[in-house]
Amino acid sequence: MRRSTLPTTSACLATALLAMAGPAHASSDDAWQEHDRAVIEQCQQASQFPDAAPAGEPVLFDDEAGMTALLIQGHYPQDHMNGQAGQELCLFLRSSQEVYIADADKLAMGSDALPSTPTDAIDDDSDTGRSDTDGDAP
């Protein structure tokens, strides 16, 4: 009686394929710490501020976006800025490790800079000189 080697061969092949694929692991804490260090270093180097420093922790976007954001703070070096403090938003593309910097002085700093409710910002017409009682509202 002849014995088939097909089940044994299939089992060996499946085991070999699984071994080559390797186990799926989440990134280690060390890898994330290294990522954060790279983001901070590259964002500081790309900043226009000579004293560039992180204004918080890196913010990780999901893998679909593939970016990490970091707010940088420092002082403007231009003479006409008189050493005024400022901030920049740095976007770090994880796939290529490229960074993009944009002025972020308009971002609100701290919870006291935000309106107490979203409608407070809409209802505040002090900048336009209009009030909610003006009859020409649509």
N, C-alpha and C. Protein backbone atom coordinates (compact mmCIF):
# COMPACT_ATOMS: atom_id res chain seq x y z
N MET A 1 0.84 -1.17 0.00
CA MET A 1 0.00 0.00 0.00
C MET A 1 0.89 1.25 0.00
N ARG A 2 0.59 2.14 -0.89
CA ARG A 2 1.37 3.34 -1.05
C ARG A 2 0.74 4.49 -0.25
N ARG A 3 1.57 5.20 0.43
CA ARG A 3 1.08 6.29 1.27
C ARG A 3 1.29 7.62 0.55
N SER A 4 0.29 8.50 0.56
CA SER A 4 0.37 9.79 -0.12
C SER A 4 1.18 10.77 0.73
N THR A 5 2.02 11.54 0.08
CA THR A 5 2.80 12.56 0.78
C THR A 5 2.19 13.95 0.63
N LEU A 6 1.04 14.05 -0.05
CA LEU A 6 0.41 15.34 -0.29
C LEU A 6 0.06 16.07 1.01
N PRO A 7 -0.60 15.45 1.98
CA PRO A 7 -0.91 16.18 3.20
C PRO A 7 0.35 16.63 3.94
N THR A 8 1.39 15.80 3.97
CA THR A 8 2.62 16.15 4.64
C THR A 8 3.31 17.29 3.91
N THR A 9 3.34 17.24 2.59
CA THR A 9 3.96 18.30 1.80
C THR A 9 3.20 19.60 1.99
N SER A 10 1.88 19.57 1.99
CA SER A 10 1.07 20.78 2.17
C SER A 10 1.31 21.38 3.55
N ALA A 11 1.40 20.52 4.54
CA ALA A 11 1.63 21.02 5.89
C ALA A 11 3.00 21.67 6.00
N CYS A 12 4.01 21.07 5.39
CA CYS A 12 5.36 21.64 5.42
C CYS A 12 5.41 22.97 4.68
N LEU A 13 4.73 23.02 3.54
CA LEU A 13 4.71 24.25 2.76
C LEU A 13 4.01 25.37 3.53
N ALA A 14 2.90 25.07 4.16
CA ALA A 14 2.17 26.09 4.94
C ALA A 14 3.01 26.58 6.11
N THR A 15 3.70 25.65 6.77
CA THR A 15 4.56 26.04 7.89
C THR A 15 5.70 26.93 7.41
N ALA A 16 6.29 26.59 6.28
CA ALA A 16 7.40 27.38 5.75
C ALA A 16 6.93 28.79 5.37
N LEU A 17 5.76 28.89 4.75
CA LEU A 17 5.23 30.20 4.38
C LEU A 17 4.95 31.06 5.61
N LEU A 18 4.39 30.45 6.64
CA LEU A 18 4.13 31.19 7.87
C LEU A 18 5.43 31.66 8.52
N ALA A 19 6.43 30.82 8.49
CA ALA A 19 7.72 31.18 9.09
C ALA A 19 8.38 32.33 8.32
N MET A 20 8.25 32.33 7.00
CA MET A 20 8.84 33.40 6.21
C MET A 20 8.09 34.71 6.41
N ALA A 21 6.79 34.64 6.61
CA ALA A 21 6.01 35.86 6.80
C ALA A 21 6.37 36.53 8.10
N GLY A 22 6.76 35.77 9.08
CA GLY A 22 7.14 36.34 10.37
C GLY A 22 5.93 36.80 11.15
N PRO A 23 6.11 36.93 12.43
CA PRO A 23 4.99 37.35 13.25
C PRO A 23 4.70 38.85 13.05
N ALA A 24 3.44 39.20 13.16
CA ALA A 24 3.05 40.61 13.05
C ALA A 24 3.12 41.23 14.44
N HIS A 25 3.97 42.22 14.58
CA HIS A 25 4.13 42.89 15.86
C HIS A 25 3.79 44.37 15.71
N ALA A 26 3.23 44.91 16.74
CA ALA A 26 3.04 46.36 16.78
C ALA A 26 4.42 46.98 17.02
N SER A 27 4.55 48.25 16.66
CA SER A 27 5.81 48.92 16.88
C SER A 27 6.14 48.97 18.37
N SER A 28 7.39 48.81 18.67
CA SER A 28 7.81 48.81 20.07
C SER A 28 7.85 50.23 20.62
N ASP A 29 7.88 50.32 21.95
CA ASP A 29 8.01 51.64 22.58
C ASP A 29 9.30 52.32 22.15
N ASP A 30 10.37 51.55 22.01
CA ASP A 30 11.65 52.12 21.57
C ASP A 30 11.53 52.72 20.16
N ALA A 31 10.79 52.02 19.28
CA ALA A 31 10.62 52.52 17.91
C ALA A 31 9.83 53.83 17.91
N TRP A 32 8.80 53.94 18.74
CA TRP A 32 8.02 55.18 18.81
C TRP A 32 8.84 56.30 19.42
N GLN A 33 9.66 55.99 20.41
CA GLN A 33 10.53 57.02 20.99
C GLN A 33 11.53 57.53 19.96
N GLU A 34 12.07 56.64 19.16
CA GLU A 34 13.00 57.02 18.10
C GLU A 34 12.27 57.87 17.05
N HIS A 35 11.04 57.50 16.72
CA HIS A 35 10.23 58.29 15.78
C HIS A 35 10.03 59.70 16.32
N ASP A 36 9.65 59.81 17.59
CA ASP A 36 9.43 61.13 18.19
C ASP A 36 10.72 61.96 18.19
N ARG A 37 11.84 61.33 18.48
CA ARG A 37 13.13 62.04 18.45
C ARG A 37 13.43 62.56 17.04
N ALA A 38 13.17 61.73 16.02
CA ALA A 38 13.41 62.14 14.63
C ALA A 38 12.50 63.30 14.25
N VAL A 39 11.23 63.24 14.64
CA VAL A 39 10.29 64.32 14.34
C VAL A 39 10.78 65.62 14.97
N ILE A 40 11.10 65.58 16.25
CA ILE A 40 11.53 66.79 16.96
C ILE A 40 12.81 67.35 16.34
N GLU A 41 13.77 66.49 16.08
CA GLU A 41 15.05 66.95 15.52
C GLU A 41 14.86 67.58 14.14
N GLN A 42 14.14 66.91 13.26
CA GLN A 42 13.98 67.43 11.90
C GLN A 42 13.11 68.68 11.87
N CYS A 43 12.10 68.76 12.73
CA CYS A 43 11.26 69.95 12.78
C CYS A 43 12.05 71.15 13.33
N GLN A 44 12.88 70.91 14.33
CA GLN A 44 13.71 72.00 14.86
C GLN A 44 14.69 72.50 13.80
N GLN A 45 15.28 71.59 13.04
CA GLN A 45 16.23 71.97 12.00
C GLN A 45 15.56 72.75 10.87
N ALA A 46 14.31 72.41 10.56
CA ALA A 46 13.60 73.08 9.46
C ALA A 46 13.01 74.41 9.88
N SER A 47 12.90 74.66 11.16
CA SER A 47 12.30 75.88 11.67
C SER A 47 13.16 77.10 11.37
N GLN A 48 12.51 78.24 11.25
CA GLN A 48 13.25 79.49 11.09
C GLN A 48 13.73 80.04 12.43
N PHE A 49 13.22 79.49 13.54
CA PHE A 49 13.59 79.97 14.86
C PHE A 49 14.96 79.44 15.27
N PRO A 50 15.88 80.31 15.67
CA PRO A 50 17.19 79.82 16.12
C PRO A 50 17.09 79.05 17.44
N ASP A 51 16.05 79.32 18.22
CA ASP A 51 15.86 78.65 19.50
C ASP A 51 14.65 77.71 19.47
N ALA A 52 14.41 77.10 18.30
CA ALA A 52 13.24 76.25 18.11
C ALA A 52 13.18 75.14 19.15
N ALA A 53 11.98 74.96 19.72
CA ALA A 53 11.75 73.92 20.72
C ALA A 53 10.32 73.41 20.57
N PRO A 54 10.09 72.14 20.89
CA PRO A 54 8.72 71.63 20.82
C PRO A 54 7.81 72.36 21.81
N ALA A 55 6.59 72.66 21.38
CA ALA A 55 5.61 73.31 22.26
C ALA A 55 4.66 72.28 22.85
N GLY A 56 4.97 71.02 22.68
CA GLY A 56 4.14 69.92 23.18
C GLY A 56 4.69 68.61 22.64
N GLU A 57 3.87 67.61 22.68
CA GLU A 57 4.26 66.28 22.18
C GLU A 57 3.85 66.13 20.72
N PRO A 58 4.55 65.29 19.96
CA PRO A 58 4.13 65.01 18.58
C PRO A 58 2.72 64.41 18.56
N VAL A 59 1.94 64.80 17.55
CA VAL A 59 0.58 64.30 17.38
C VAL A 59 0.58 63.36 16.19
N LEU A 60 0.26 62.12 16.44
CA LEU A 60 0.32 61.07 15.42
C LEU A 60 -1.02 60.96 14.70
N PHE A 61 -0.99 61.16 13.37
CA PHE A 61 -2.18 60.91 12.56
C PHE A 61 -2.22 59.43 12.20
N ASP A 62 -3.37 58.94 11.75
CA ASP A 62 -3.49 57.52 11.42
C ASP A 62 -2.62 57.18 10.21
N ASP A 63 -2.48 55.88 9.94
CA ASP A 63 -1.60 55.43 8.87
C ASP A 63 -2.07 55.89 7.49
N GLU A 64 -3.37 56.10 7.32
CA GLU A 64 -3.88 56.57 6.03
C GLU A 64 -3.32 57.96 5.71
N ALA A 65 -3.27 58.84 6.71
CA ALA A 65 -2.69 60.17 6.51
C ALA A 65 -1.16 60.08 6.49
N GLY A 66 -0.60 59.23 7.32
CA GLY A 66 0.85 59.00 7.32
C GLY A 66 1.68 60.17 7.81
N MET A 67 1.12 61.00 8.68
CA MET A 67 1.83 62.19 9.16
C MET A 67 1.87 62.24 10.67
N THR A 68 2.85 62.97 11.14
CA THR A 68 2.93 63.34 12.54
C THR A 68 3.08 64.86 12.57
N ALA A 69 2.34 65.51 13.45
CA ALA A 69 2.39 66.97 13.56
C ALA A 69 3.08 67.36 14.86
N LEU A 70 3.78 68.48 14.83
CA LEU A 70 4.45 68.99 16.02
C LEU A 70 4.40 70.51 15.98
N LEU A 71 3.99 71.11 17.08
CA LEU A 71 3.99 72.56 17.20
C LEU A 71 5.35 72.98 17.74
N ILE A 72 5.99 73.91 17.03
CA ILE A 72 7.32 74.41 17.40
C ILE A 72 7.16 75.85 17.89
N GLN A 73 7.90 76.20 18.92
CA GLN A 73 7.89 77.57 19.41
C GLN A 73 9.32 78.12 19.41
N GLY A 74 9.41 79.42 19.36
CA GLY A 74 10.71 80.06 19.37
C GLY A 74 10.55 81.56 19.21
N HIS A 75 11.63 82.21 18.85
CA HIS A 75 11.63 83.66 18.68
C HIS A 75 12.11 84.00 17.28
N TYR A 76 11.42 84.96 16.65
CA TYR A 76 11.77 85.36 15.30
C TYR A 76 13.14 86.03 15.28
N PRO A 77 14.01 85.64 14.33
CA PRO A 77 15.36 86.20 14.29
C PRO A 77 15.45 87.54 13.55
N GLN A 78 14.41 87.90 12.77
CA GLN A 78 14.48 89.12 11.98
C GLN A 78 14.52 90.36 12.89
N ASP A 79 15.31 91.33 12.51
CA ASP A 79 15.46 92.55 13.30
C ASP A 79 14.12 93.25 13.52
N HIS A 80 13.30 93.32 12.48
CA HIS A 80 12.03 94.03 12.61
C HIS A 80 11.03 93.31 13.52
N MET A 81 11.29 92.06 13.86
CA MET A 81 10.40 91.31 14.75
C MET A 81 10.78 91.51 16.22
N ASN A 82 11.94 92.11 16.47
CA ASN A 82 12.38 92.43 17.84
C ASN A 82 12.34 91.23 18.78
N GLY A 83 12.70 90.05 18.29
CA GLY A 83 12.73 88.87 19.14
C GLY A 83 11.37 88.37 19.59
N GLN A 84 10.32 88.76 18.85
CA GLN A 84 8.95 88.34 19.22
C GLN A 84 8.82 86.83 19.19
N ALA A 85 8.09 86.30 20.16
CA ALA A 85 7.84 84.86 20.23
C ALA A 85 6.86 84.46 19.14
N GLY A 86 7.02 83.27 18.62
CA GLY A 86 6.12 82.77 17.60
C GLY A 86 6.03 81.26 17.65
N GLN A 87 5.21 80.72 16.76
CA GLN A 87 5.09 79.27 16.67
C GLN A 87 4.88 78.85 15.22
N GLU A 88 5.30 77.63 14.94
CA GLU A 88 5.17 77.03 13.61
C GLU A 88 4.59 75.64 13.77
N LEU A 89 3.84 75.23 12.76
CA LEU A 89 3.32 73.87 12.73
C LEU A 89 4.20 73.07 11.78
N CYS A 90 4.71 71.97 12.26
CA CYS A 90 5.58 71.11 11.46
C CYS A 90 4.83 69.81 11.16
N LEU A 91 4.75 69.45 9.88
CA LEU A 91 4.17 68.17 9.47
C LEU A 91 5.31 67.27 9.00
N PHE A 92 5.39 66.10 9.58
CA PHE A 92 6.44 65.11 9.30
C PHE A 92 5.78 63.96 8.56
N LEU A 93 6.20 63.72 7.30
CA LEU A 93 5.67 62.59 6.53
C LEU A 93 6.47 61.35 6.90
N ARG A 94 5.79 60.38 7.50
CA ARG A 94 6.50 59.21 8.01
C ARG A 94 7.13 58.37 6.90
N SER A 95 6.51 58.28 5.73
CA SER A 95 7.04 57.42 4.67
C SER A 95 8.36 57.94 4.12
N SER A 96 8.49 59.25 3.98
CA SER A 96 9.70 59.82 3.39
C SER A 96 10.56 60.59 4.38
N GLN A 97 10.04 60.83 5.57
CA GLN A 97 10.67 61.62 6.62
C GLN A 97 10.93 63.06 6.17
N GLU A 98 10.11 63.56 5.24
CA GLU A 98 10.17 64.97 4.86
C GLU A 98 9.38 65.77 5.87
N VAL A 99 9.76 67.04 6.04
CA VAL A 99 9.02 67.93 6.93
C VAL A 99 8.56 69.15 6.15
N TYR A 100 7.41 69.67 6.57
CA TYR A 100 6.84 70.89 6.01
C TYR A 100 6.51 71.80 7.18
N ILE A 101 6.90 73.07 7.06
CA ILE A 101 6.71 74.04 8.14
C ILE A 101 5.76 75.13 7.66
N ALA A 102 4.84 75.54 8.54
CA ALA A 102 3.96 76.68 8.26
C ALA A 102 3.85 77.52 9.52
N ASP A 103 3.72 78.83 9.31
CA ASP A 103 3.51 79.75 10.42
C ASP A 103 2.23 79.35 11.14
N ALA A 104 2.27 79.32 12.45
CA ALA A 104 1.11 78.89 13.24
C ALA A 104 0.79 79.87 14.35
N ASP A 105 1.15 81.13 14.17
CA ASP A 105 0.86 82.11 15.21
C ASP A 105 -0.63 82.30 15.43
N LYS A 106 -1.44 81.94 14.46
CA LYS A 106 -2.89 82.11 14.59
C LYS A 106 -3.56 80.98 15.36
N LEU A 107 -2.83 79.90 15.64
CA LEU A 107 -3.42 78.82 16.42
C LEU A 107 -3.64 79.29 17.85
N ALA A 108 -4.75 78.89 18.43
CA ALA A 108 -5.06 79.27 19.81
C ALA A 108 -4.10 78.57 20.75
N MET A 109 -3.65 79.28 21.77
CA MET A 109 -2.77 78.69 22.77
C MET A 109 -3.50 78.62 24.10
N GLY A 110 -3.69 77.43 24.61
CA GLY A 110 -4.32 77.26 25.92
C GLY A 110 -5.83 77.31 25.85
N SER A 111 -6.47 76.74 26.84
CA SER A 111 -7.93 76.67 26.85
C SER A 111 -8.56 78.03 27.05
N ASP A 112 -7.85 79.00 27.64
CA ASP A 112 -8.42 80.33 27.84
C ASP A 112 -8.51 81.10 26.52
N ALA A 113 -7.84 80.63 25.48
CA ALA A 113 -7.89 81.30 24.19
C ALA A 113 -9.09 80.86 23.37
N LEU A 114 -9.75 79.80 23.80
CA LEU A 114 -10.88 79.27 23.06
C LEU A 114 -12.19 79.82 23.61
N PRO A 115 -13.21 80.01 22.76
CA PRO A 115 -14.52 80.44 23.27
C PRO A 115 -15.11 79.35 24.14
N SER A 116 -15.97 79.74 25.09
CA SER A 116 -16.54 78.75 26.01
C SER A 116 -17.46 77.78 25.28
N THR A 117 -18.12 78.24 24.24
CA THR A 117 -18.92 77.35 23.39
C THR A 117 -18.64 77.74 21.95
N PRO A 118 -18.81 76.81 21.01
CA PRO A 118 -18.55 77.15 19.61
C PRO A 118 -19.38 78.32 19.11
N THR A 119 -20.59 78.48 19.62
CA THR A 119 -21.44 79.56 19.13
C THR A 119 -20.99 80.92 19.64
N ASP A 120 -20.20 80.97 20.71
CA ASP A 120 -19.68 82.25 21.18
C ASP A 120 -18.85 82.93 20.10
N ALA A 121 -18.08 82.15 19.38
CA ALA A 121 -17.24 82.71 18.32
C ALA A 121 -18.10 83.20 17.16
N ILE A 122 -19.18 82.51 16.87
CA ILE A 122 -20.06 82.90 15.78
C ILE A 122 -20.89 84.12 16.17
N ASP A 123 -21.39 84.14 17.40
CA ASP A 123 -22.25 85.22 17.86
C ASP A 123 -21.51 86.50 18.19
N ASP A 124 -20.20 86.41 18.36
CA ASP A 124 -19.42 87.59 18.70
C ASP A 124 -19.20 88.43 17.45
N ASP A 125 -20.00 89.46 17.30
CA ASP A 125 -19.90 90.31 16.12
C ASP A 125 -19.18 91.60 16.42
N SER A 126 -18.41 91.63 17.49
CA SER A 126 -17.71 92.87 17.85
C SER A 126 -16.70 93.29 16.79
N ASP A 127 -16.13 92.32 16.07
CA ASP A 127 -15.16 92.65 15.03
C ASP A 127 -15.82 93.29 13.82
N THR A 128 -17.07 92.93 13.54
CA THR A 128 -17.74 93.43 12.34
C THR A 128 -18.57 94.66 12.63
N GLY A 129 -18.80 94.97 13.91
CA GLY A 129 -19.61 96.12 14.26
C GLY A 129 -21.10 95.85 14.15
N ARG A 130 -21.46 94.62 13.81
CA ARG A 130 -22.86 94.26 13.69
C ARG A 130 -23.33 93.61 14.98
N SER A 131 -24.57 93.69 15.22
CA SER A 131 -25.15 92.98 16.36
C SER A 131 -26.18 91.99 15.85
N ASP A 132 -26.58 91.07 16.72
CA ASP A 132 -27.57 90.08 16.33
C ASP A 132 -28.94 90.70 16.08
N THR A 133 -29.14 91.95 16.48
CA THR A 133 -30.44 92.58 16.32
C THR A 133 -30.55 93.36 15.03
N ASP A 134 -29.47 93.45 14.24
CA ASP A 134 -29.55 94.14 12.96
C ASP A 134 -30.58 93.43 12.08
N GLY A 135 -31.42 94.16 11.43
CA GLY A 135 -32.52 93.58 10.66
C GLY A 135 -32.13 93.04 9.32
N ASP A 136 -30.91 93.24 8.86
CA ASP A 136 -30.55 92.80 7.52
C ASP A 136 -29.91 91.42 7.51
N ALA A 137 -29.99 90.69 8.60
CA ALA A 137 -29.42 89.35 8.62
C ALA A 137 -30.27 88.43 7.76
N PRO A 138 -29.66 87.50 7.01
CA PRO A 138 -30.44 86.60 6.14
C PRO A 138 -31.26 85.62 6.93
